[in-house]
Amino acid sequence: MAKSEPVLFHEEQALGRWHGKLVLAIPPAALIFVALRQLVWRHPWGNPPVTNAGLLFLTILLALVYVRLITVRLVTGVRPAEVVVGLHGLWHGWRFSPRHRQRAVFGGGSATHIRQDHEFCEFRVSQGRA
């Protein structure tokens, strides 16, 4: 892509509704309760009990994962030659380009057929004898 192609469609979606964030908050909230129960009120958790350092580390780790998950956005972009879908905050987007890299990665067949219809590629692998 030498020049930047015009963007035909672009959309960003956050987690949005409060009940999604609430459902994701249940595991960290439960672990915070267990950590407070063991560290503050001296009621050990598990048999044998989990160490205070291990429980505190796990609680902080799970809280950080929760904060990261509620800040992720789904980003979708459409250009004339490709569609880009990504989860910003977790990893970069995937690019789907029907005219890019038309090759099959299947092995074991006697022949690989590639047919192009209206900008879309169809890959078929013959599983005949070699």
N, C-alpha and C. Protein backbone atom coordinates (compact mmCIF):
# COMPACT_ATOMS: atom_id res chain seq x y z
N MET A 1 0.84 -1.17 0.00
CA MET A 1 0.00 0.00 0.00
C MET A 1 0.89 1.23 0.00
N ALA A 2 1.06 1.86 -1.15
CA ALA A 2 1.93 3.02 -1.24
C ALA A 2 1.27 4.25 -0.65
N LYS A 3 0.03 4.48 -1.03
CA LYS A 3 -0.69 5.63 -0.50
C LYS A 3 -1.70 5.18 0.54
N SER A 4 -2.07 6.11 1.38
CA SER A 4 -3.08 5.80 2.38
C SER A 4 -4.45 5.82 1.72
N GLU A 5 -5.15 4.70 1.80
CA GLU A 5 -6.46 4.61 1.18
C GLU A 5 -7.51 5.29 2.05
N PRO A 6 -8.58 5.79 1.45
CA PRO A 6 -9.62 6.45 2.24
C PRO A 6 -10.35 5.44 3.12
N VAL A 7 -10.73 5.89 4.30
CA VAL A 7 -11.46 5.03 5.23
C VAL A 7 -12.94 5.13 4.89
N LEU A 8 -13.56 4.00 4.56
CA LEU A 8 -14.98 3.98 4.23
C LEU A 8 -15.86 3.91 5.46
N PHE A 9 -15.36 3.24 6.50
CA PHE A 9 -16.14 3.07 7.72
C PHE A 9 -15.17 2.89 8.88
N HIS A 10 -15.46 3.54 10.00
CA HIS A 10 -14.65 3.39 11.20
C HIS A 10 -15.58 3.43 12.41
N GLU A 11 -15.40 2.47 13.32
CA GLU A 11 -16.24 2.43 14.51
C GLU A 11 -15.43 1.93 15.69
N GLU A 12 -15.65 2.54 16.85
CA GLU A 12 -15.03 2.09 18.09
C GLU A 12 -16.13 1.83 19.11
N GLN A 13 -16.06 0.68 19.76
CA GLN A 13 -17.06 0.31 20.75
C GLN A 13 -16.35 -0.03 22.06
N ALA A 14 -16.81 0.59 23.12
CA ALA A 14 -16.31 0.25 24.46
C ALA A 14 -17.19 -0.85 25.04
N LEU A 15 -16.86 -1.28 26.25
CA LEU A 15 -17.66 -2.32 26.91
C LEU A 15 -19.09 -1.83 27.10
N GLY A 16 -19.24 -0.56 27.37
CA GLY A 16 -20.57 0.04 27.34
C GLY A 16 -21.37 -0.10 28.61
N ARG A 17 -22.27 -0.99 28.62
CA ARG A 17 -23.28 -1.06 29.67
C ARG A 17 -22.68 -1.44 31.02
N TRP A 18 -23.36 -1.01 32.06
CA TRP A 18 -22.87 -1.19 33.42
C TRP A 18 -22.89 -2.66 33.84
N HIS A 19 -23.82 -3.45 33.32
CA HIS A 19 -23.91 -4.85 33.78
C HIS A 19 -22.74 -5.69 33.27
N GLY A 20 -22.14 -5.34 32.14
CA GLY A 20 -20.94 -6.05 31.68
C GLY A 20 -19.77 -5.82 32.61
N LYS A 21 -19.63 -4.56 33.05
CA LYS A 21 -18.56 -4.23 33.99
C LYS A 21 -18.80 -4.89 35.34
N LEU A 22 -20.07 -4.99 35.73
CA LEU A 22 -20.41 -5.62 37.00
C LEU A 22 -20.08 -7.12 36.98
N VAL A 23 -20.40 -7.79 35.89
CA VAL A 23 -20.11 -9.22 35.79
C VAL A 23 -18.60 -9.46 35.81
N LEU A 24 -17.84 -8.60 35.11
CA LEU A 24 -16.39 -8.74 35.14
C LEU A 24 -15.79 -8.42 36.50
N ALA A 25 -16.50 -7.65 37.33
CA ALA A 25 -15.98 -7.25 38.64
C ALA A 25 -16.19 -8.32 39.71
N ILE A 26 -16.97 -9.35 39.44
CA ILE A 26 -17.27 -10.35 40.47
C ILE A 26 -16.02 -11.11 40.93
N PRO A 27 -15.17 -11.65 40.04
CA PRO A 27 -13.98 -12.35 40.54
C PRO A 27 -13.02 -11.47 41.35
N PRO A 28 -12.69 -10.24 40.89
CA PRO A 28 -11.81 -9.42 41.73
C PRO A 28 -12.46 -9.06 43.07
N ALA A 29 -13.76 -8.79 43.07
CA ALA A 29 -14.43 -8.44 44.33
C ALA A 29 -14.41 -9.62 45.30
N ALA A 30 -14.63 -10.82 44.79
CA ALA A 30 -14.60 -12.00 45.66
C ALA A 30 -13.20 -12.22 46.24
N LEU A 31 -12.18 -12.02 45.41
CA LEU A 31 -10.82 -12.21 45.91
C LEU A 31 -10.41 -11.11 46.89
N ILE A 32 -10.91 -9.90 46.69
CA ILE A 32 -10.65 -8.82 47.65
C ILE A 32 -11.29 -9.18 48.99
N PHE A 33 -12.50 -9.74 48.95
CA PHE A 33 -13.16 -10.16 50.19
C PHE A 33 -12.36 -11.25 50.90
N VAL A 34 -11.88 -12.23 50.14
CA VAL A 34 -11.09 -13.32 50.73
C VAL A 34 -9.78 -12.78 51.32
N ALA A 35 -9.14 -11.85 50.60
CA ALA A 35 -7.89 -11.27 51.10
C ALA A 35 -8.13 -10.47 52.37
N LEU A 36 -9.19 -9.69 52.42
CA LEU A 36 -9.51 -8.94 53.64
C LEU A 36 -9.83 -9.88 54.79
N ARG A 37 -10.54 -10.95 54.49
CA ARG A 37 -10.90 -11.92 55.53
C ARG A 37 -9.65 -12.53 56.14
N GLN A 38 -8.64 -12.85 55.31
CA GLN A 38 -7.44 -13.48 55.84
C GLN A 38 -6.48 -12.46 56.45
N LEU A 39 -6.30 -11.31 55.81
CA LEU A 39 -5.30 -10.35 56.28
C LEU A 39 -5.78 -9.51 57.45
N VAL A 40 -7.05 -9.11 57.44
CA VAL A 40 -7.55 -8.20 58.48
C VAL A 40 -8.20 -8.98 59.62
N TRP A 41 -9.10 -9.91 59.28
CA TRP A 41 -9.85 -10.60 60.32
C TRP A 41 -9.22 -11.93 60.75
N ARG A 42 -8.08 -12.30 60.17
CA ARG A 42 -7.29 -13.47 60.57
C ARG A 42 -8.04 -14.80 60.46
N HIS A 43 -8.85 -14.94 59.39
CA HIS A 43 -9.51 -16.21 59.09
C HIS A 43 -8.82 -16.79 57.86
N PRO A 44 -7.96 -17.81 58.02
CA PRO A 44 -7.20 -18.32 56.88
C PRO A 44 -8.11 -18.93 55.81
N TRP A 45 -7.62 -18.85 54.58
CA TRP A 45 -8.36 -19.36 53.42
C TRP A 45 -7.63 -20.56 52.86
N GLY A 46 -8.33 -21.67 52.75
CA GLY A 46 -7.76 -22.88 52.19
C GLY A 46 -7.16 -23.79 53.24
N ASN A 47 -6.88 -25.03 52.81
CA ASN A 47 -6.28 -26.00 53.70
C ASN A 47 -5.17 -26.71 52.94
N PRO A 48 -3.96 -26.42 53.12
CA PRO A 48 -3.32 -25.46 54.01
C PRO A 48 -3.58 -24.03 53.52
N PRO A 49 -3.54 -23.08 54.44
CA PRO A 49 -3.86 -21.70 54.08
C PRO A 49 -2.86 -21.10 53.08
N VAL A 50 -3.39 -20.24 52.24
CA VAL A 50 -2.56 -19.52 51.27
C VAL A 50 -1.73 -18.50 52.03
N THR A 51 -0.50 -18.26 51.58
CA THR A 51 0.34 -17.26 52.25
C THR A 51 -0.23 -15.87 52.00
N ASN A 52 0.02 -14.96 52.92
CA ASN A 52 -0.48 -13.60 52.78
C ASN A 52 0.10 -12.92 51.55
N ALA A 53 1.39 -13.14 51.28
CA ALA A 53 2.03 -12.51 50.12
C ALA A 53 1.43 -13.04 48.81
N GLY A 54 1.20 -14.35 48.76
CA GLY A 54 0.61 -14.94 47.56
C GLY A 54 -0.81 -14.45 47.32
N LEU A 55 -1.58 -14.35 48.38
CA LEU A 55 -2.95 -13.88 48.26
C LEU A 55 -3.00 -12.41 47.87
N LEU A 56 -2.13 -11.61 48.43
CA LEU A 56 -2.07 -10.20 48.09
C LEU A 56 -1.63 -10.00 46.64
N PHE A 57 -0.64 -10.78 46.19
CA PHE A 57 -0.19 -10.71 44.79
C PHE A 57 -1.31 -11.08 43.83
N LEU A 58 -2.02 -12.17 44.12
CA LEU A 58 -3.11 -12.62 43.25
C LEU A 58 -4.24 -11.59 43.21
N THR A 59 -4.55 -10.97 44.33
CA THR A 59 -5.60 -9.95 44.38
C THR A 59 -5.23 -8.74 43.54
N ILE A 60 -4.00 -8.27 43.67
CA ILE A 60 -3.56 -7.11 42.89
C ILE A 60 -3.52 -7.45 41.40
N LEU A 61 -3.03 -8.64 41.06
CA LEU A 61 -2.97 -9.06 39.66
C LEU A 61 -4.36 -9.12 39.04
N LEU A 62 -5.30 -9.71 39.74
CA LEU A 62 -6.66 -9.84 39.21
C LEU A 62 -7.34 -8.47 39.10
N ALA A 63 -7.07 -7.57 40.02
CA ALA A 63 -7.63 -6.22 39.94
C ALA A 63 -7.06 -5.47 38.73
N LEU A 64 -5.76 -5.64 38.45
CA LEU A 64 -5.16 -5.01 37.28
C LEU A 64 -5.71 -5.58 35.98
N VAL A 65 -5.93 -6.89 35.93
CA VAL A 65 -6.53 -7.50 34.75
C VAL A 65 -7.95 -6.97 34.54
N TYR A 66 -8.70 -6.81 35.61
CA TYR A 66 -10.06 -6.25 35.51
C TYR A 66 -10.03 -4.84 34.93
N VAL A 67 -9.14 -4.00 35.45
CA VAL A 67 -9.04 -2.62 34.95
C VAL A 67 -8.67 -2.63 33.47
N ARG A 68 -7.78 -3.52 33.08
CA ARG A 68 -7.38 -3.60 31.66
C ARG A 68 -8.55 -4.05 30.79
N LEU A 69 -9.33 -5.01 31.25
CA LEU A 69 -10.44 -5.52 30.45
C LEU A 69 -11.55 -4.49 30.27
N ILE A 70 -11.79 -3.66 31.27
CA ILE A 70 -12.89 -2.70 31.09
C ILE A 70 -12.47 -1.49 30.26
N THR A 71 -11.17 -1.37 29.95
CA THR A 71 -10.72 -0.26 29.10
C THR A 71 -10.50 -0.69 27.65
N VAL A 72 -10.72 -1.94 27.30
CA VAL A 72 -10.52 -2.43 25.94
C VAL A 72 -11.64 -1.91 25.03
N ARG A 73 -11.25 -1.55 23.79
CA ARG A 73 -12.23 -1.08 22.81
C ARG A 73 -12.14 -1.96 21.56
N LEU A 74 -13.29 -2.29 21.00
CA LEU A 74 -13.35 -2.99 19.73
C LEU A 74 -13.33 -1.94 18.63
N VAL A 75 -12.34 -2.02 17.73
CA VAL A 75 -12.19 -1.04 16.66
C VAL A 75 -12.33 -1.76 15.33
N THR A 76 -13.20 -1.23 14.47
CA THR A 76 -13.44 -1.79 13.15
C THR A 76 -13.23 -0.71 12.11
N GLY A 77 -12.48 -1.02 11.08
CA GLY A 77 -12.25 -0.07 9.99
C GLY A 77 -12.38 -0.78 8.65
N VAL A 78 -12.99 -0.10 7.69
CA VAL A 78 -13.16 -0.66 6.36
C VAL A 78 -12.54 0.29 5.35
N ARG A 79 -11.66 -0.25 4.52
CA ARG A 79 -11.05 0.49 3.42
C ARG A 79 -11.37 -0.24 2.13
N PRO A 80 -11.14 0.36 0.98
CA PRO A 80 -11.48 -0.32 -0.27
C PRO A 80 -10.83 -1.69 -0.45
N ALA A 81 -9.65 -1.90 0.09
CA ALA A 81 -8.95 -3.17 -0.14
C ALA A 81 -8.84 -4.05 1.08
N GLU A 82 -9.33 -3.61 2.25
CA GLU A 82 -9.16 -4.43 3.44
C GLU A 82 -10.16 -4.06 4.53
N VAL A 83 -10.31 -5.00 5.46
CA VAL A 83 -11.11 -4.79 6.66
C VAL A 83 -10.16 -5.00 7.84
N VAL A 84 -10.18 -4.06 8.79
CA VAL A 84 -9.30 -4.14 9.96
C VAL A 84 -10.17 -4.26 11.20
N VAL A 85 -9.92 -5.30 12.00
CA VAL A 85 -10.66 -5.52 13.24
C VAL A 85 -9.62 -5.69 14.34
N GLY A 86 -9.81 -4.97 15.46
CA GLY A 86 -8.84 -5.08 16.53
C GLY A 86 -9.44 -4.79 17.89
N LEU A 87 -8.79 -5.26 18.91
CA LEU A 87 -9.15 -4.96 20.29
C LEU A 87 -8.06 -4.08 20.85
N HIS A 88 -8.25 -2.76 20.75
CA HIS A 88 -7.24 -1.83 21.24
C HIS A 88 -7.17 -1.92 22.75
N GLY A 89 -5.99 -2.12 23.24
CA GLY A 89 -5.78 -2.32 24.66
C GLY A 89 -5.31 -3.73 24.95
N LEU A 90 -5.57 -4.67 24.04
CA LEU A 90 -5.07 -6.03 24.21
C LEU A 90 -4.03 -6.36 23.14
N TRP A 91 -4.38 -6.20 21.87
CA TRP A 91 -3.45 -6.47 20.79
C TRP A 91 -3.84 -5.65 19.58
N HIS A 92 -2.94 -5.61 18.59
CA HIS A 92 -3.18 -4.85 17.37
C HIS A 92 -4.23 -5.54 16.52
N GLY A 93 -4.75 -4.82 15.54
CA GLY A 93 -5.83 -5.35 14.72
C GLY A 93 -5.38 -6.37 13.70
N TRP A 94 -6.32 -7.16 13.27
CA TRP A 94 -6.12 -8.11 12.19
C TRP A 94 -6.55 -7.44 10.90
N ARG A 95 -5.79 -7.64 9.84
CA ARG A 95 -6.13 -7.09 8.53
C ARG A 95 -6.60 -8.24 7.64
N PHE A 96 -7.78 -8.08 7.10
CA PHE A 96 -8.34 -9.06 6.17
C PHE A 96 -8.36 -8.42 4.79
N SER A 97 -7.54 -8.92 3.91
CA SER A 97 -7.46 -8.38 2.56
C SER A 97 -7.68 -9.53 1.59
N PRO A 98 -8.76 -9.52 0.83
CA PRO A 98 -9.06 -10.64 -0.06
C PRO A 98 -8.06 -10.78 -1.20
N ARG A 99 -7.35 -9.70 -1.58
CA ARG A 99 -6.40 -9.78 -2.67
C ARG A 99 -4.97 -9.95 -2.19
N HIS A 100 -4.77 -10.12 -0.90
CA HIS A 100 -3.43 -10.18 -0.33
C HIS A 100 -3.07 -11.62 0.04
N ARG A 101 -1.94 -12.09 -0.44
CA ARG A 101 -1.42 -13.42 -0.11
C ARG A 101 -2.40 -14.54 -0.44
N GLN A 102 -2.62 -14.75 -1.69
CA GLN A 102 -3.53 -15.81 -2.09
C GLN A 102 -2.76 -17.12 -2.16
N ARG A 103 -2.58 -17.74 -1.03
CA ARG A 103 -1.90 -19.03 -1.02
C ARG A 103 -2.53 -19.90 0.05
N ALA A 104 -2.57 -21.16 -0.21
CA ALA A 104 -3.11 -22.09 0.76
C ALA A 104 -1.97 -22.65 1.60
N VAL A 105 -2.22 -22.83 2.86
CA VAL A 105 -1.20 -23.37 3.75
C VAL A 105 -1.53 -24.80 4.14
N PHE A 106 -2.40 -25.42 3.40
CA PHE A 106 -2.76 -26.79 3.68
C PHE A 106 -1.74 -27.71 3.05
N GLY A 107 -1.46 -28.82 3.68
CA GLY A 107 -0.49 -29.77 3.14
C GLY A 107 -1.09 -31.14 2.98
N GLY A 108 -0.44 -31.98 2.22
CA GLY A 108 -0.86 -33.37 2.11
C GLY A 108 -1.73 -33.65 0.91
N GLY A 109 -2.28 -32.66 0.27
CA GLY A 109 -3.14 -32.90 -0.89
C GLY A 109 -2.33 -32.98 -2.17
N SER A 110 -2.96 -33.49 -3.24
CA SER A 110 -2.24 -33.61 -4.49
C SER A 110 -2.22 -32.29 -5.26
N ALA A 111 -3.23 -31.47 -5.06
CA ALA A 111 -3.27 -30.19 -5.78
C ALA A 111 -4.03 -29.17 -4.94
N THR A 112 -3.65 -27.94 -5.10
CA THR A 112 -4.33 -26.85 -4.40
C THR A 112 -4.94 -25.95 -5.46
N HIS A 113 -6.22 -25.72 -5.35
CA HIS A 113 -6.93 -24.89 -6.32
C HIS A 113 -7.28 -23.55 -5.68
N ILE A 114 -7.02 -22.48 -6.40
CA ILE A 114 -7.37 -21.14 -5.92
C ILE A 114 -8.25 -20.52 -6.98
N ARG A 115 -9.43 -20.08 -6.60
CA ARG A 115 -10.36 -19.44 -7.51
C ARG A 115 -10.75 -18.10 -6.94
N GLN A 116 -10.83 -17.09 -7.79
CA GLN A 116 -11.19 -15.76 -7.32
C GLN A 116 -12.51 -15.36 -7.95
N ASP A 117 -13.50 -15.03 -7.10
CA ASP A 117 -14.81 -14.57 -7.55
C ASP A 117 -15.11 -13.24 -6.90
N HIS A 118 -15.27 -12.21 -7.67
CA HIS A 118 -15.71 -10.91 -7.17
C HIS A 118 -14.95 -10.47 -5.93
N GLU A 119 -13.64 -10.42 -6.02
CA GLU A 119 -12.78 -9.91 -4.96
C GLU A 119 -12.59 -10.88 -3.79
N PHE A 120 -13.28 -12.00 -3.75
CA PHE A 120 -13.12 -12.93 -2.64
C PHE A 120 -12.40 -14.18 -3.13
N CYS A 121 -11.58 -14.74 -2.28
CA CYS A 121 -10.81 -15.92 -2.65
C CYS A 121 -11.38 -17.16 -1.99
N GLU A 122 -11.39 -18.22 -2.71
CA GLU A 122 -11.85 -19.49 -2.16
C GLU A 122 -10.70 -20.49 -2.29
N PHE A 123 -10.35 -21.13 -1.21
CA PHE A 123 -9.28 -22.10 -1.22
C PHE A 123 -9.87 -23.49 -1.08
N ARG A 124 -9.47 -24.38 -1.99
CA ARG A 124 -9.90 -25.77 -1.89
C ARG A 124 -8.67 -26.65 -2.02
N VAL A 125 -8.63 -27.69 -1.26
CA VAL A 125 -7.50 -28.63 -1.31
C VAL A 125 -8.04 -29.99 -1.70
N SER A 126 -7.48 -30.53 -2.75
CA SER A 126 -7.85 -31.89 -3.17
C SER A 126 -7.10 -32.87 -2.31
N GLN A 127 -7.78 -33.82 -1.75
CA GLN A 127 -7.15 -34.82 -0.89
C GLN A 127 -7.01 -36.14 -1.65
N GLY A 128 -6.61 -36.08 -2.91
CA GLY A 128 -6.40 -37.29 -3.71
C GLY A 128 -5.04 -37.88 -3.45
N ARG A 129 -4.69 -38.87 -4.22
CA ARG A 129 -3.39 -39.51 -4.05
C ARG A 129 -2.31 -38.66 -4.69
N ALA A 130 -1.14 -38.67 -4.07
CA ALA A 130 -0.03 -37.84 -4.57
C ALA A 130 0.61 -38.42 -5.80
